[in-house]
Protein backbone atom coordinates (compact mmCIF):
# COMPACT_ATOMS: atom_id res chain seq x y z
CA MET A 1 99.81 69.05 73.67
CA ALA A 2 96.60 66.91 73.76
CA ILE A 3 93.63 68.22 76.44
CA VAL A 4 90.44 66.27 76.82
CA LEU A 5 88.03 66.86 79.41
CA SER A 6 86.98 63.81 81.79
CA SER A 7 84.65 63.66 83.49
CA CYS A 8 85.05 62.70 87.23
CA ASN A 9 81.70 61.81 88.50
CA VAL A 10 83.06 59.95 91.89
CA LYS A 11 80.47 57.28 91.61
CA ASP A 12 82.80 55.89 88.18
CA LYS A 13 85.43 56.19 90.70
CA ALA A 14 86.41 53.46 93.06
CA LEU A 15 88.50 55.84 95.42
CA ASP A 16 85.51 58.50 96.17
CA PHE A 17 87.07 62.27 95.91
CA GLU A 18 86.61 66.06 96.20
CA VAL A 19 88.29 68.50 94.71
CA TYR A 20 87.99 72.41 95.26
CA GLU A 21 90.28 74.99 93.74
CA THR A 22 91.60 78.78 94.07
CA SER A 23 92.81 80.08 90.78
CA GLU A 24 94.34 83.32 88.57
CA SER A 25 91.27 82.73 86.06
CA GLY A 26 88.45 83.07 88.85
CA ASN A 27 87.97 79.90 91.18
CA LYS A 28 87.26 80.81 94.83
CA LEU A 29 87.37 77.71 96.74
CA THR A 30 85.26 76.31 93.96
CA ARG A 31 84.38 72.71 93.67
CA ILE A 32 85.67 71.07 90.47
CA THR A 33 84.27 68.14 88.78
CA GLU A 34 86.14 68.12 85.28
CA PHE A 35 89.28 67.77 84.53
CA LYS A 36 91.85 68.42 81.96
CA THR A 37 93.91 65.18 80.48
CA LEU A 38 97.70 66.13 79.39
CA ASP A 39 100.37 64.30 77.59
CA SER A 40 102.46 64.80 80.55
CA VAL A 41 101.20 63.38 83.80
CA VAL A 42 102.45 63.98 87.34
CA LYS A 43 103.16 61.22 89.49
CA ILE A 44 102.10 61.64 93.53
CA THR A 45 102.19 58.75 95.46
CA LEU A 46 101.01 58.76 99.25
CA ASN A 47 102.48 57.38 102.01
CA PRO A 48 99.59 57.11 104.80
CA GLU A 49 101.30 54.52 107.01
CA LYS A 50 104.33 56.93 107.98
CA THR A 51 103.38 59.88 109.65
CA LEU A 52 104.76 63.08 110.54
CA GLN A 53 104.12 66.04 112.90
CA THR A 54 100.66 66.43 114.24
CA ILE A 55 98.57 69.75 113.21
CA THR A 56 97.60 72.11 115.96
CA GLY A 57 95.49 74.31 113.52
CA PHE A 58 95.73 77.43 110.84
CA GLY A 59 93.84 80.74 111.72
CA GLY A 60 94.61 84.48 111.77
CA SER A 61 94.81 86.86 114.44
CA PHE A 62 92.36 89.35 116.94
CA THR A 63 93.75 92.70 116.57
CA GLU A 64 92.18 95.71 118.20
CA SER A 65 92.42 97.33 114.48
CA SER A 66 90.58 94.06 113.07
CA ALA A 67 87.82 94.22 115.72
CA TYR A 68 87.54 98.10 115.56
CA LEU A 69 86.50 97.89 111.80
CA LEU A 70 83.97 95.23 112.47
CA ASN A 71 82.39 97.35 115.21
CA LYS A 72 82.31 100.08 112.64
CA LEU A 73 80.27 98.00 109.87
CA SER A 74 76.87 96.89 109.66
CA LYS A 75 75.54 93.81 111.66
CA LYS A 76 75.16 92.32 108.73
CA ASN A 77 78.65 92.41 107.51
CA ARG A 78 80.33 91.65 110.84
CA ASP A 79 78.45 88.44 110.47
CA THR A 80 79.35 87.55 107.29
CA ILE A 81 82.77 87.81 107.84
CA LEU A 82 82.92 85.86 111.68
CA GLN A 83 80.93 83.11 110.05
CA ALA A 84 83.24 83.44 106.96
CA TYR A 85 86.41 82.98 108.95
CA PHE A 86 84.97 80.59 111.90
CA GLY A 87 81.44 79.11 111.25
CA GLU A 88 81.27 75.67 109.46
CA GLU A 89 80.46 76.70 106.04
CA GLY A 90 83.56 79.12 106.16
CA ALA A 91 87.20 78.48 107.02
CA ARG A 92 86.90 76.90 110.39
CA TYR A 93 89.75 78.63 111.85
CA SER A 94 91.07 76.56 114.52
CA LEU A 95 94.25 78.74 115.71
CA THR A 96 94.27 82.47 116.32
CA ARG A 97 96.50 85.14 118.13
CA THR A 98 96.04 88.34 119.84
CA HIS A 99 98.45 90.74 121.72
CA ILE A 100 98.49 91.35 125.25
CA SER A 101 98.46 95.25 125.64
CA SER A 102 98.91 97.54 122.09
CA CYS A 103 100.57 96.62 119.48
CA ASP A 104 101.11 98.65 115.99
CA PHE A 105 97.78 97.62 115.05
CA SER A 106 95.91 98.97 117.87
CA LEU A 107 94.44 102.49 118.00
CA SER A 108 97.31 104.13 120.64
CA ASN A 109 99.79 102.87 122.86
CA TYR A 110 98.49 101.64 125.91
CA THR A 111 99.64 99.18 128.80
CA TYR A 112 97.34 96.62 131.35
CA ALA A 113 99.68 97.75 133.82
CA PRO A 114 100.38 101.72 133.57
CA VAL A 115 100.63 102.43 137.00
CA GLU A 116 105.12 102.89 137.45
CA GLY A 117 106.44 100.75 140.48
CA ASP A 118 103.12 98.90 141.14
CA MET A 119 105.35 95.98 141.74
CA GLU A 120 101.78 93.87 143.12
CA LEU A 121 100.34 95.09 140.03
CA GLU A 122 97.25 95.87 141.50
CA ASN A 123 96.26 98.38 139.29
CA PHE A 124 96.38 95.94 136.29
CA SER A 125 93.08 96.11 133.93
CA ILE A 126 92.59 94.96 130.55
CA GLU A 127 89.82 97.82 130.34
CA GLU A 128 91.25 98.97 127.00
CA ASP A 129 90.24 95.60 125.11
CA ARG A 130 86.13 95.44 126.70
CA ASP A 131 85.13 97.59 123.42
CA ASP A 132 86.55 96.03 120.42
CA LEU A 133 88.83 93.34 120.82
CA ILE A 134 87.28 91.14 123.44
CA PRO A 135 83.60 91.24 121.75
CA MET A 136 85.29 90.11 119.06
CA ILE A 137 86.92 86.86 120.61
CA LYS A 138 83.83 86.11 122.09
CA ASP A 139 81.86 86.25 118.99
CA ALA A 140 84.00 84.37 117.32
CA MET A 141 83.54 81.55 119.92
CA ALA A 142 80.06 81.58 119.74
CA ILE A 143 80.22 80.32 116.03
CA SER A 144 83.12 78.16 116.11
CA LYS A 145 81.54 75.15 116.49
CA ASP A 146 85.06 72.87 117.23
CA GLY A 147 86.68 76.07 119.26
CA PHE A 148 89.85 77.39 118.48
CA LYS A 149 93.42 77.96 120.56
CA ILE A 150 94.35 81.74 121.15
CA ILE A 151 98.12 82.24 121.53
CA ALA A 152 98.57 85.80 123.29
CA SER A 153 101.98 87.69 123.07
CA PRO A 154 102.87 90.82 124.38
CA TRP A 155 104.50 93.39 121.91
CA THR A 156 106.41 94.90 125.14
CA ALA A 157 106.41 94.86 128.97
CA PRO A 158 104.66 98.11 130.49
CA PRO A 159 107.30 100.62 129.93
CA TRP A 160 108.25 101.20 133.56
CA MET A 161 109.60 97.56 133.69
CA LYS A 162 112.39 98.27 130.99
CA ASP A 163 115.52 100.46 130.70
CA ASN A 164 114.62 103.14 128.57
CA ASN A 165 111.20 103.40 129.93
CA ALA A 166 109.38 103.73 126.58
CA TYR A 167 106.99 101.45 124.74
CA VAL A 168 109.62 100.97 121.83
CA GLY A 169 113.05 99.21 122.31
CA GLY A 170 114.97 98.81 125.03
CA GLU A 171 115.38 95.74 127.20
CA LEU A 172 113.47 94.09 130.62
CA LEU A 173 115.50 95.46 133.62
CA PRO A 174 116.38 92.04 135.86
CA GLN A 175 114.52 93.10 138.83
CA TYR A 176 111.27 93.32 137.25
CA TYR A 177 111.61 89.86 135.93
CA ASP A 178 109.29 88.49 138.87
CA THR A 179 106.80 91.28 137.81
CA PHE A 180 106.27 90.92 134.33
CA ALA A 181 106.09 87.05 135.13
CA LEU A 182 103.08 88.28 137.36
CA PHE A 183 101.74 90.11 134.70
CA PHE A 184 101.03 87.35 132.18
CA SER A 185 99.17 85.44 135.09
CA LYS A 186 97.16 88.69 135.80
CA TYR A 187 96.37 88.64 132.12
CA LEU A 188 95.27 85.04 131.96
CA ASP A 189 93.23 85.47 134.89
CA ALA A 190 91.39 88.44 133.77
CA TYR A 191 90.64 86.77 130.56
CA LYS A 192 89.36 83.67 131.93
CA ALA A 193 87.21 86.07 134.04
CA GLU A 194 85.63 87.38 130.63
CA GLY A 195 85.20 83.44 129.49
CA ILE A 196 87.88 83.05 127.19
CA ASP A 197 90.97 80.74 127.81
CA ILE A 198 94.56 81.28 126.67
CA TRP A 199 96.37 78.15 124.98
CA GLY A 200 99.49 79.64 124.41
CA LEU A 201 102.16 82.56 124.88
CA THR A 202 104.95 83.78 123.97
CA PRO A 203 107.22 86.24 125.87
CA VAL A 204 107.09 89.10 123.86
CA ASN A 205 106.81 89.40 120.19
CA GLU A 206 109.76 89.91 117.70
CA PRO A 207 112.70 89.82 120.39
CA HIS A 208 115.23 91.02 118.17
CA GLY A 209 113.35 94.41 117.91
CA ASN A 210 111.54 96.12 114.75
CA GLY A 211 114.02 99.00 114.21
CA ASN A 212 112.62 100.91 116.98
CA ASN A 213 109.33 101.86 115.02
CA TRP A 214 106.68 100.47 116.99
CA GLU A 215 106.20 98.58 120.45
CA SER A 216 108.89 96.44 121.29
CA MET A 217 111.35 94.92 123.43
CA HIS A 218 114.38 93.06 123.28
CA PHE A 219 115.73 89.72 124.23
CA SER A 220 118.46 87.89 123.98
CA PRO A 221 118.17 84.08 123.64
CA GLU A 222 119.72 83.36 126.84
CA ALA A 223 117.86 86.43 128.51
CA GLU A 224 114.59 85.01 127.45
CA THR A 225 115.26 81.47 128.20
CA ASP A 226 116.60 82.65 131.98
CA PHE A 227 113.18 84.84 132.30
CA VAL A 228 110.97 81.31 130.69
CA GLN A 229 113.03 78.84 132.93
CA ASN A 230 113.80 81.48 135.81
CA HIS A 231 110.60 83.20 136.58
CA LEU A 232 107.73 82.81 133.82
CA GLY A 233 107.58 79.00 133.77
CA PRO A 234 107.48 78.81 137.56
CA LYS A 235 104.93 81.30 138.18
CA LEU A 236 102.39 80.07 136.13
CA GLU A 237 103.21 76.35 137.10
CA ALA A 238 102.33 78.13 141.34
CA ASN A 239 99.39 79.40 139.87
CA GLY A 240 97.61 76.65 138.38
CA MET A 241 98.68 77.32 134.96
CA GLY A 242 101.10 75.00 134.46
CA ALA A 243 99.32 73.65 130.94
CA VAL A 244 99.66 77.00 129.40
CA ASN A 245 102.00 76.46 126.35
CA ILE A 246 104.95 78.58 126.02
CA LEU A 247 106.36 78.90 122.72
CA GLY A 248 109.72 81.07 122.75
CA TYR A 249 111.68 83.38 120.14
CA ASP A 250 108.44 84.40 117.85
CA GLN A 251 110.31 85.92 115.28
CA ASN A 252 112.21 85.40 111.78
CA ARG A 253 113.30 81.62 110.62
CA ALA A 254 117.08 82.78 109.35
CA GLY A 255 117.43 83.45 113.89
CA LEU A 256 116.29 79.92 114.39
CA LYS A 257 119.22 77.92 115.20
CA GLU A 258 120.91 80.48 117.57
CA TRP A 259 117.59 80.44 119.68
CA VAL A 260 116.36 77.03 119.96
CA ASP A 261 120.56 75.81 120.92
CA ALA A 262 119.33 78.29 123.99
CA MET A 263 115.90 77.21 124.61
CA PHE A 264 116.69 73.61 124.59
CA ALA A 265 120.30 73.47 125.63
CA THR A 266 119.25 71.42 128.48
CA GLU A 267 116.37 69.74 130.40
CA GLU A 268 116.23 72.92 132.72
CA SER A 269 116.11 75.40 130.38
CA SER A 270 113.57 73.15 128.14
CA LYS A 271 111.41 72.38 130.87
CA TYR A 272 108.94 75.06 130.77
CA PHE A 273 108.84 75.66 126.88
CA ALA A 274 106.29 73.85 124.95
CA GLY A 275 107.89 75.22 121.46
CA THR A 276 108.90 77.61 119.12
CA ALA A 277 107.15 80.44 117.62
CA ILE A 278 108.46 81.40 114.02
CA HIS A 279 107.61 84.70 111.51
CA TRP A 280 107.76 84.74 107.74
CA TYR A 281 109.13 88.28 107.29
CA GLU A 282 112.87 86.83 106.80
CA SER A 283 112.27 86.28 102.59
CA THR A 284 109.25 87.08 100.23
CA TYR A 285 109.93 83.98 98.76
CA ASP A 286 112.34 80.97 101.09
CA TYR A 287 110.39 79.62 103.86
CA PHE A 288 114.10 78.20 105.43
CA PRO A 289 113.69 74.29 105.42
CA GLU A 290 117.06 74.19 106.49
CA ALA A 291 116.46 76.21 109.42
CA LEU A 292 112.91 74.39 110.34
CA GLN A 293 114.77 71.14 110.06
CA TYR A 294 117.21 72.21 112.29
CA ALA A 295 114.33 73.29 114.93
CA HIS A 296 112.58 70.42 114.65
CA ASN A 297 115.70 68.13 115.24
CA LYS A 298 116.31 69.78 118.15
CA ALA A 299 113.34 69.48 120.14
CA PRO A 300 111.27 67.02 118.24
CA GLU A 301 108.59 66.44 120.59
CA LYS A 302 108.02 70.37 120.85
CA TYR A 303 105.77 72.72 119.01
CA LEU A 304 107.16 74.69 115.96
CA ILE A 305 104.08 77.00 115.09
CA GLU A 306 103.86 79.92 112.65
CA THR A 307 102.53 82.71 114.74
CA GLU A 308 102.36 85.61 112.38
CA GLY A 309 102.75 86.36 108.55
CA CYS A 310 101.20 89.17 106.37
CA ILE A 311 101.70 90.81 103.29
CA ASP A 312 103.22 93.70 105.18
CA SER A 313 104.32 97.47 104.11
CA GLN A 314 101.81 97.47 101.46
CA VAL A 315 98.88 99.18 101.15
CA PRO A 316 96.00 96.78 100.02
CA VAL A 317 94.81 96.71 96.28
CA TRP A 318 90.90 97.23 96.57
CA GLN A 319 88.77 94.39 94.66
CA ASP A 320 90.99 93.51 91.86
CA ASP A 321 91.89 89.74 92.40
CA ALA A 322 94.27 89.92 89.70
CA TRP A 323 96.77 91.59 91.56
CA TYR A 324 96.72 89.25 94.43
CA TRP A 325 98.33 86.83 91.55
CA LYS A 326 101.13 89.26 90.04
CA LYS A 327 104.62 89.81 91.17
CA GLU A 328 103.68 93.19 92.22
CA ALA A 329 103.83 93.57 96.15
CA THR A 330 106.70 94.45 97.80
CA ASP A 331 107.96 94.05 101.34
CA TRP A 332 110.10 95.99 104.18
CA GLY A 333 113.02 94.44 102.96
CA TYR A 334 112.32 95.65 99.41
CA ASP A 335 113.36 99.25 100.71
CA TRP A 336 115.25 98.89 103.97
CA ARG A 337 117.05 95.90 104.03
CA GLU A 338 120.67 96.00 104.08
CA PRO A 339 122.55 95.73 100.19
CA GLU A 340 123.71 91.98 101.31
CA LYS A 341 120.21 90.52 101.97
CA LYS A 342 118.14 92.24 99.34
CA TYR A 343 118.34 89.59 97.40
CA LEU A 344 116.29 87.78 99.78
CA HIS A 345 113.27 90.32 99.24
CA PRO A 346 112.12 90.51 95.27
CA LYS A 347 108.91 91.76 94.56
CA TYR A 348 106.41 88.58 94.97
CA ALA A 349 102.81 87.82 94.19
CA PRO A 350 100.73 87.49 97.44
CA VAL A 351 99.05 84.61 96.85
CA ASN A 352 102.27 82.84 95.50
CA ARG A 353 103.93 83.54 99.10
CA TYR A 354 101.46 82.15 101.18
CA ALA A 355 100.62 79.01 99.26
CA ARG A 356 104.14 78.56 98.96
CA ASP A 357 105.06 79.23 102.52
CA ILE A 358 102.21 76.80 104.10
CA ILE A 359 103.13 74.19 102.42
CA GLY A 360 106.70 74.53 102.33
CA CYS A 361 106.24 74.51 106.50
CA LEU A 362 103.80 71.88 106.27
CA ASN A 363 106.85 69.74 104.75
CA ASN A 364 109.43 70.84 107.08
CA TRP A 365 107.92 69.93 110.68
CA VAL A 366 105.56 73.00 111.13
CA ASP A 367 102.25 72.13 112.75
CA GLY A 368 100.17 75.42 113.33
CA TRP A 369 100.50 78.60 110.66
CA ILE A 370 98.66 81.46 112.05
CA ASP A 371 97.93 84.36 109.59
CA TRP A 372 98.43 88.36 110.91
CA ASN A 373 95.63 90.84 110.73
CA MET A 374 91.97 89.04 109.63
CA VAL A 375 90.34 92.70 108.58
CA LEU A 376 91.81 96.11 107.73
CA ASP A 377 90.64 98.62 105.73
CA ARG A 378 91.38 100.08 102.12
CA GLN A 379 94.43 101.77 103.63
CA GLY A 380 96.14 98.90 105.35
CA GLY A 381 95.05 100.30 108.74
CA PRO A 382 94.26 101.32 111.16
CA ASN A 383 97.55 101.42 112.57
CA TRP A 384 98.76 103.90 114.92
CA PHE A 385 102.57 103.67 113.63
CA GLU A 386 100.92 103.87 109.81
CA ASN A 387 102.81 100.28 109.41
CA TRP A 388 100.21 99.32 106.44
CA CYS A 389 99.87 95.87 106.12
CA VAL A 390 97.07 93.67 103.82
CA ALA A 391 95.11 91.21 105.24
CA PRO A 392 92.43 88.59 103.77
CA VAL A 393 89.60 90.69 103.80
CA ILE A 394 89.38 94.46 103.76
CA VAL A 395 86.67 96.68 104.42
CA ASP A 396 85.32 100.38 103.69
CA PRO A 397 83.54 101.04 106.78
CA GLU A 398 82.33 104.21 105.56
CA LYS A 399 80.74 102.58 103.06
CA ASP A 400 80.06 99.17 104.45
CA GLU A 401 81.83 97.04 101.62
CA VAL A 402 83.91 93.98 102.47
CA TYR A 403 86.23 92.57 100.08
CA PHE A 404 87.22 88.96 100.46
CA THR A 405 90.54 88.68 98.95
CA PRO A 406 92.18 85.96 97.20
CA LEU A 407 94.16 85.77 100.15
CA TYR A 408 90.77 84.78 102.33
CA TYR A 409 90.54 81.69 100.18
CA THR A 410 94.20 80.56 99.81
CA MET A 411 94.03 80.16 104.08
CA ALA A 412 90.81 78.88 103.82
CA HIS A 413 92.66 75.69 101.40
CA PHE A 414 94.14 74.98 104.62
CA SER A 415 91.89 75.80 107.69
CA LYS A 416 88.80 74.39 106.29
CA TYR A 417 90.00 70.81 105.31
CA ILE A 418 93.04 70.13 107.75
CA ARG A 419 91.69 70.06 111.28
CA PRO A 420 93.72 69.90 114.58
CA GLU A 421 95.24 66.45 115.13
CA ALA A 422 95.47 65.39 111.78
CA LYS A 423 99.04 63.82 110.72
CA VAL A 424 101.31 65.23 107.74
CA ILE A 425 101.97 62.03 106.16
CA SER A 426 104.83 61.27 103.73
CA HIS A 427 104.35 61.77 99.81
CA ASP A 428 106.49 61.05 96.49
CA ASN A 429 106.06 63.83 93.75
CA SER A 430 107.58 63.59 90.66
CA ASP A 431 107.30 67.06 89.71
CA GLU A 432 109.07 69.64 92.01
CA THR A 433 107.72 72.32 90.40
CA LEU A 434 104.14 71.43 91.57
CA MET A 435 104.01 71.79 95.65
CA VAL A 436 102.39 69.31 97.39
CA THR A 437 101.20 68.36 100.99
CA ALA A 438 99.13 65.53 102.42
CA VAL A 439 97.51 64.81 105.72
CA LYS A 440 95.51 61.88 107.44
CA ASN A 441 92.34 63.65 109.61
CA PRO A 442 91.09 62.30 112.53
CA ASP A 443 88.30 61.05 110.64
CA GLU A 444 90.99 59.23 108.98
CA SER A 445 90.15 61.26 105.48
CA ILE A 446 93.33 62.21 103.36
CA VAL A 447 94.08 66.11 102.66
CA LEU A 448 96.13 67.00 99.74
CA VAL A 449 96.54 70.74 99.09
CA LEU A 450 98.48 71.44 95.92
CA PHE A 451 100.02 74.52 94.49
CA ASN A 452 100.59 74.76 90.98
CA GLU A 453 102.62 78.52 90.34
CA GLY A 454 103.54 77.67 86.37
CA ASP A 455 101.72 79.25 83.42
CA THR A 456 100.44 76.14 82.33
CA PRO A 457 98.12 73.48 83.79
CA LYS A 458 99.25 70.26 84.88
CA SER A 459 97.56 66.70 85.01
CA PHE A 460 98.63 64.31 87.99
CA ASN A 461 97.40 60.62 89.37
CA ILE A 462 97.50 60.14 93.24
CA ASN A 463 98.20 56.86 94.24
CA LEU A 464 96.61 55.52 97.38
CA ASN A 465 96.60 51.97 98.82
CA GLU A 466 97.34 50.41 95.20
CA GLN A 467 94.22 52.89 94.01
CA SER A 468 94.74 55.78 91.46
CA ILE A 469 92.65 58.91 90.69
CA ALA A 470 93.29 61.31 87.67
CA VAL A 471 93.22 65.04 88.25
CA SER A 472 94.72 67.97 87.13
CA ILE A 473 95.14 71.44 88.28
CA ASN A 474 94.90 74.89 86.67
CA GLU A 475 97.84 77.08 85.93
CA LYS A 476 98.47 79.57 88.71
CA ALA A 477 96.08 77.63 91.12
CA ILE A 478 95.85 75.87 94.49
CA GLN A 479 93.89 73.15 95.21
CA THR A 480 92.73 70.61 98.27
CA ILE A 481 91.70 67.29 97.26
CA VAL A 482 89.94 65.51 99.76
CA ILE A 483 89.80 61.63 99.53
CA PRO A 484 87.13 60.33 102.18
CA SER A 485 88.20 57.36 104.64
CA GLN A 486 88.41 54.13 102.88
CA GLN A 487 87.39 51.87 105.82
């Protein structure tokens, strides 16, 4: 194998381009201007005239845990993190999520409607959010030049509306369907009064439940569709909130078929659903392209958004970039999944899982991808249930220290350069071991994101409109290539 370093000064090229790389070898969204020329060259052909889905955005989630930790840091470090996520020089997050009432990444259990039997929700209050969560969202809004969308999800209805009168498990009693619909309307009004507009809602997070561990509420596909079609949708419409996007399901992709079959069975059942929300916890490596394709084909005009994914059931590794590239992480299924499905949960490298999943999603009709917590501590919390997880940014509030893990840079490869309203474009790739996705941004720039999971670098030619550029990617690396508008 011959390796020659070739300069790629853009002035020498008919086609201008910029390359940014994050790699196991130490690059962190680093601008690359010299490339290796290898004997074997991958051919990537872009077909910008063939457009696919429209991008809604990329980002992470506002949780009470993240907001609480930010308030424990110095103002300098707090601002550094928020700028890194939302500033023009940072990741430029454009699509986010937050929780309605408490979730596992809250400091305690709470609901905005704690008074049993309060059918008109006269005692509804978002007071619990005023110390941490609302200030974090507002500060992010002040930093973000282009703004960002927020999807809000309850983990459960108020316990008194459920058949088990508890935060964990149980089902919403039919006599409270209208009251729970009013609950969403009250939430939207309360946040709007704070200057925060909510772009989208899901009826509940993870309607299959979570093993009765933390806040949860069960819905069958038919029951949730009934709730949205006959209660939530009409209530929001009647209150002038019909523009808020209701996304159904909000759990793992393996369950997509039965859910979209129910949600989009008829014109009436589909009316109030703007799309489908999905999570990634079904497997540590499989992104379920067939299920994604099925969901898109069932409702091609609707949104298909990944609303949650993270390195779950794992205490973060502190200031050790190498760990995030090694296949040492385990997830919930590694220990707890039924034996016949444990094959879906081998050990994995966190960076690999993020890069593979996001590219796989983009190549299978998903239009938005939201990470879970933006900030966690060295334990992987705070989390009232001690359900430890990893975030792209880990902090030590006692020492006022911040660690930007490789996951932060992985997310930025997408969120910083692929902007809302971009169109995914068709491409041909001669090497199936090199993952590639491509979009055309609203400013007509072309953006490719590539992931080389292998142990050797790869050279490749990108062909666009009868012009070509020669690039290489390091082993175990992610690259974003930006080709400015040719007009």
